[in-house]
């Protein structure tokens, strides 16, 4: 079991929206999250349209959204959820066979993806990580999704200002920053990176910020893509 991630420094519980057309899935997720004192499930939706309506009616910090839903599927719902103000962090719920849809979801603005068969603590950790602004990438399928995204993006990756080959874009990174980038490519969260490198969480965040700036990547997901493209991760 993955060690518990400490609750983020928030003044109020993390407000979560569950969107899944299977009532048993919502029930199971709700029961798991109920064990975390810093997480509060404030709304549940059985389709994407209902999820958007509920998120627009009340502030939501994290939306756990299934990809396949009636009326409005998860991918279409993302397009509307990311336009809300304030906008929730969106984590897509997926299965192993959904890599192509997850790729589209990440490009559309989802914070990350989570396998439905992840353990209870992994689910709680994912919600906390998303609320803190971390990308949520299930290590079990990160490599497959990264490869699909590389095929879709080709050599152009990151912000429009980003130029040069992957090796050229990594040239300004320090040895430690390369280590951190490789771990981003493996789908590791900040706390796990800190634990493996024996450095503090604040230091990890500083490294990540510098990596994004130096490489011209706009997010942790794009940085992970660059790590794979440069051969730092597999």
Protein backbone atom coordinates (compact mmCIF):
# COMPACT_ATOMS: atom_id res chain seq x y z
CA UNK A 1 0.00 0.00 0.00
CA UNK A 2 1.21 3.47 -0.84
CA UNK A 3 2.06 5.51 2.29
CA UNK A 4 -0.49 8.14 3.18
CA UNK A 5 0.07 11.57 1.74
CA UNK A 6 -0.29 14.28 4.40
CA UNK A 7 -3.31 16.55 3.85
CA UNK A 8 -2.52 19.73 1.93
CA UNK A 9 -2.51 23.01 3.82
CA UNK A 10 -6.10 24.00 3.20
CA UNK A 11 -8.40 25.97 5.48
CA UNK A 12 -11.36 23.75 4.62
CA UNK A 13 -11.89 20.14 3.49
CA UNK A 14 -11.22 19.34 -0.16
CA UNK A 15 -14.57 19.53 -1.95
CA UNK A 16 -15.00 16.59 -4.32
CA UNK A 17 -17.48 15.97 -7.13
CA UNK A 18 -18.01 12.36 -8.22
CA UNK A 19 -19.24 11.81 -11.77
CA UNK A 20 -19.87 8.21 -12.84
CA UNK A 21 -22.94 6.54 -14.33
CA UNK A 22 -22.40 3.44 -12.17
CA UNK A 23 -23.98 3.97 -8.77
CA UNK A 24 -21.87 1.22 -7.20
CA UNK A 25 -18.67 2.97 -8.31
CA UNK A 26 -19.83 6.26 -6.80
CA UNK A 27 -20.87 4.49 -3.60
CA UNK A 28 -17.49 2.77 -3.28
CA UNK A 29 -15.50 5.94 -3.94
CA UNK A 30 -17.66 7.89 -1.48
CA UNK A 31 -17.08 5.31 1.26
CA UNK A 32 -13.32 5.40 0.70
CA UNK A 33 -13.08 9.19 0.73
CA UNK A 34 -15.25 9.37 3.85
CA UNK A 35 -12.30 7.97 5.82
CA UNK A 36 -10.24 11.08 5.04
CA UNK A 37 -11.11 13.93 7.40
CA UNK A 38 -9.76 16.52 4.96
CA UNK A 39 -11.97 15.38 2.04
CA UNK A 40 -15.68 16.05 1.62
CA UNK A 41 -17.79 14.61 -1.22
CA UNK A 42 -20.12 17.53 -1.90
CA UNK A 43 -21.87 16.36 -5.08
CA UNK A 44 -22.51 13.28 -7.23
CA UNK A 45 -23.49 13.10 -10.88
CA UNK A 46 -24.56 10.21 -13.10
CA UNK A 47 -23.56 11.89 -16.37
CA UNK A 48 -21.33 14.65 -17.68
CA UNK A 49 -24.08 17.22 -18.13
CA UNK A 50 -25.15 16.83 -14.51
CA UNK A 51 -21.52 17.09 -13.39
CA UNK A 52 -21.07 20.42 -15.17
CA UNK A 53 -24.33 21.73 -13.74
CA UNK A 54 -23.39 20.75 -10.19
CA UNK A 55 -19.86 22.15 -10.47
CA UNK A 56 -21.25 25.44 -11.77
CA UNK A 57 -23.72 25.65 -8.90
CA UNK A 58 -21.20 25.28 -6.08
CA UNK A 59 -17.40 25.47 -5.77
CA UNK A 60 -15.63 22.16 -6.31
CA UNK A 61 -11.92 21.60 -5.72
CA UNK A 62 -11.53 18.21 -7.41
CA UNK A 63 -13.83 16.49 -9.91
CA UNK A 64 -13.41 12.72 -10.33
CA UNK A 65 -14.95 12.13 -13.75
CA UNK A 66 -15.58 8.88 -15.57
CA UNK A 67 -14.79 8.91 -19.29
CA UNK A 68 -17.75 6.89 -20.52
CA UNK A 69 -21.06 8.37 -19.38
CA UNK A 70 -24.48 8.96 -21.00
CA UNK A 71 -25.92 12.33 -22.05
CA UNK A 72 -22.49 13.99 -21.98
CA UNK A 73 -19.36 11.88 -21.69
CA UNK A 74 -16.34 12.78 -19.57
CA UNK A 75 -14.31 14.18 -22.45
CA UNK A 76 -17.07 16.57 -23.46
CA UNK A 77 -17.62 17.49 -19.82
CA UNK A 78 -13.96 18.53 -19.47
CA UNK A 79 -14.40 21.18 -22.16
CA UNK A 80 -17.05 22.82 -20.00
CA UNK A 81 -15.54 22.17 -16.57
CA UNK A 82 -12.26 23.89 -17.45
CA UNK A 83 -14.20 27.06 -18.31
CA UNK A 84 -15.73 27.37 -14.84
CA UNK A 85 -14.52 30.06 -12.47
CA UNK A 86 -13.23 28.82 -10.15
CA UNK A 87 -12.41 25.69 -12.14
CA UNK A 88 -11.97 22.33 -10.43
CA UNK A 89 -8.96 20.11 -10.82
CA UNK A 90 -10.18 17.26 -13.01
CA UNK A 91 -9.06 13.67 -12.56
CA UNK A 92 -10.37 11.18 -15.08
CA UNK A 93 -11.40 7.72 -13.89
CA UNK A 94 -10.28 5.12 -16.39
CA UNK A 95 -9.45 1.49 -17.12
CA UNK A 96 -6.36 0.12 -18.84
CA UNK A 97 -8.05 0.09 -22.25
CA UNK A 98 -8.82 3.83 -22.25
CA UNK A 99 -5.36 5.23 -23.06
CA UNK A 100 -6.50 7.04 -26.20
CA UNK A 101 -9.35 8.79 -24.39
CA UNK A 102 -7.08 9.64 -21.45
CA UNK A 103 -4.62 11.20 -23.89
CA UNK A 104 -7.39 13.42 -25.21
CA UNK A 105 -8.47 14.24 -21.64
CA UNK A 106 -4.97 15.34 -20.61
CA UNK A 107 -4.67 17.56 -23.67
CA UNK A 108 -8.11 19.03 -22.90
CA UNK A 109 -7.05 20.14 -19.43
CA UNK A 110 -7.50 17.21 -17.06
CA UNK A 111 -5.06 17.16 -14.15
CA UNK A 112 -4.48 13.46 -14.66
CA UNK A 113 -6.00 10.03 -14.61
CA UNK A 114 -6.65 7.32 -12.06
CA UNK A 115 -7.35 3.64 -12.52
CA UNK A 116 -10.65 2.49 -11.07
CA UNK A 117 -8.97 -0.47 -9.40
CA UNK A 118 -6.45 1.62 -7.45
CA UNK A 119 -6.37 0.96 -3.72
CA UNK A 120 -8.19 3.13 -1.16
CA UNK A 121 -5.08 5.02 -0.03
CA UNK A 122 -4.04 5.64 -3.65
CA UNK A 123 -7.45 7.21 -4.29
CA UNK A 124 -7.18 9.46 -1.22
CA UNK A 125 -3.61 10.41 -2.18
CA UNK A 126 -4.75 11.25 -5.71
CA UNK A 127 -7.47 13.61 -4.50
CA UNK A 128 -5.02 15.37 -2.18
CA UNK A 129 -2.39 15.61 -4.90
CA UNK A 130 -4.87 17.06 -7.40
CA UNK A 131 -6.09 19.61 -4.86
CA UNK A 132 -2.48 20.65 -4.26
CA UNK A 133 -1.91 21.15 -7.99
CA UNK A 134 0.05 17.95 -8.62
CA UNK A 135 -0.53 15.87 -11.72
CA UNK A 136 -2.20 12.55 -10.95
CA UNK A 137 -0.73 9.84 -13.16
CA UNK A 138 -1.27 6.19 -12.30
CA UNK A 139 2.19 4.60 -12.66
CA UNK A 140 0.68 1.36 -13.96
CA UNK A 141 -0.39 2.93 -17.24
CA UNK A 142 1.69 6.10 -17.41
CA UNK A 143 4.12 4.62 -19.91
CA UNK A 144 1.35 3.53 -22.27
CA UNK A 145 -0.38 6.91 -22.14
CA UNK A 146 2.90 8.80 -22.55
CA UNK A 147 3.70 6.81 -25.70
CA UNK A 148 0.28 7.59 -27.18
CA UNK A 149 0.69 11.28 -26.38
CA UNK A 150 4.13 11.30 -27.99
CA UNK A 151 2.65 9.79 -31.13
CA UNK A 152 -0.06 12.44 -31.13
CA UNK A 153 2.19 15.43 -30.43
CA UNK A 154 5.28 14.44 -32.43
CA UNK A 155 8.28 16.72 -32.04
CA UNK A 156 6.25 19.75 -30.97
CA UNK A 157 5.82 19.59 -27.23
CA UNK A 158 5.27 22.29 -24.64
CA UNK A 159 4.59 25.99 -25.06
CA UNK A 160 4.73 27.68 -28.49
CA UNK A 161 7.97 29.35 -27.36
CA UNK A 162 9.66 26.03 -26.72
CA UNK A 163 12.16 25.23 -29.46
CA UNK A 164 14.98 22.77 -30.03
CA UNK A 165 15.41 19.05 -29.73
CA UNK A 166 14.64 17.26 -26.45
CA UNK A 167 18.36 17.08 -25.65
CA UNK A 168 18.77 20.80 -26.34
CA UNK A 169 15.83 21.63 -24.08
CA UNK A 170 17.33 19.55 -21.27
CA UNK A 171 20.78 21.09 -21.63
CA UNK A 172 20.16 23.77 -19.00
CA UNK A 173 19.01 21.29 -16.34
CA UNK A 174 21.23 20.38 -13.43
CA UNK A 175 21.94 16.73 -12.64
CA UNK A 176 19.39 16.81 -9.81
CA UNK A 177 16.77 18.41 -12.05
CA UNK A 178 17.31 15.61 -14.57
CA UNK A 179 16.71 13.10 -11.78
CA UNK A 180 13.47 14.83 -10.85
CA UNK A 181 12.39 15.02 -14.49
CA UNK A 182 12.98 11.29 -14.91
CA UNK A 183 10.74 10.64 -11.91
CA UNK A 184 8.06 12.90 -13.34
CA UNK A 185 8.23 10.74 -16.43
CA UNK A 186 7.63 7.69 -14.24
CA UNK A 187 4.48 9.30 -12.88
CA UNK A 188 5.73 9.89 -9.34
CA UNK A 189 4.11 12.50 -7.10
CA UNK A 190 6.15 15.16 -5.31
CA UNK A 191 6.15 13.35 -1.99
CA UNK A 192 7.47 10.13 -3.51
CA UNK A 193 10.16 12.06 -5.40
CA UNK A 194 11.22 13.71 -2.17
CA UNK A 195 11.31 10.39 -0.36
CA UNK A 196 13.47 8.75 -3.03
CA UNK A 197 15.90 11.66 -3.25
CA UNK A 198 15.81 12.39 0.50
CA UNK A 199 14.84 16.03 -0.02
CA UNK A 200 11.97 18.13 1.32
CA UNK A 201 8.66 18.68 -0.43
CA UNK A 202 9.37 22.37 -0.90
CA UNK A 203 12.66 21.54 -2.59
CA UNK A 204 10.90 19.13 -4.95
CA UNK A 205 8.40 21.82 -5.91
CA UNK A 206 11.24 24.25 -6.57
CA UNK A 207 12.95 21.71 -8.83
CA UNK A 208 9.71 21.04 -10.71
CA UNK A 209 9.09 24.75 -11.22
CA UNK A 210 12.61 25.26 -12.58
CA UNK A 211 12.24 22.24 -14.87
CA UNK A 212 9.03 23.61 -16.37
CA UNK A 213 10.62 27.02 -16.87
CA UNK A 214 13.91 25.79 -18.34
CA UNK A 215 12.33 23.25 -20.70
CA UNK A 216 9.40 25.39 -21.80
CA UNK A 217 6.87 22.77 -20.72
CA UNK A 218 3.56 24.11 -19.48
CA UNK A 219 2.68 21.35 -17.03
CA UNK A 220 3.96 18.27 -15.22
CA UNK A 221 2.27 16.09 -17.84
CA UNK A 222 4.16 17.83 -20.65
CA UNK A 223 7.37 17.55 -18.64
CA UNK A 224 6.74 13.81 -18.28
CA UNK A 225 6.27 13.59 -22.03
CA UNK A 226 9.58 15.37 -22.58
CA UNK A 227 11.31 12.96 -20.20
CA UNK A 228 10.15 10.04 -22.34
CA UNK A 229 11.00 11.82 -25.56
CA UNK A 230 14.53 12.48 -24.28
CA UNK A 231 14.99 8.92 -23.09
CA UNK A 232 15.08 9.75 -19.37
CA UNK A 233 12.08 7.54 -18.65
CA UNK A 234 10.69 4.41 -20.20
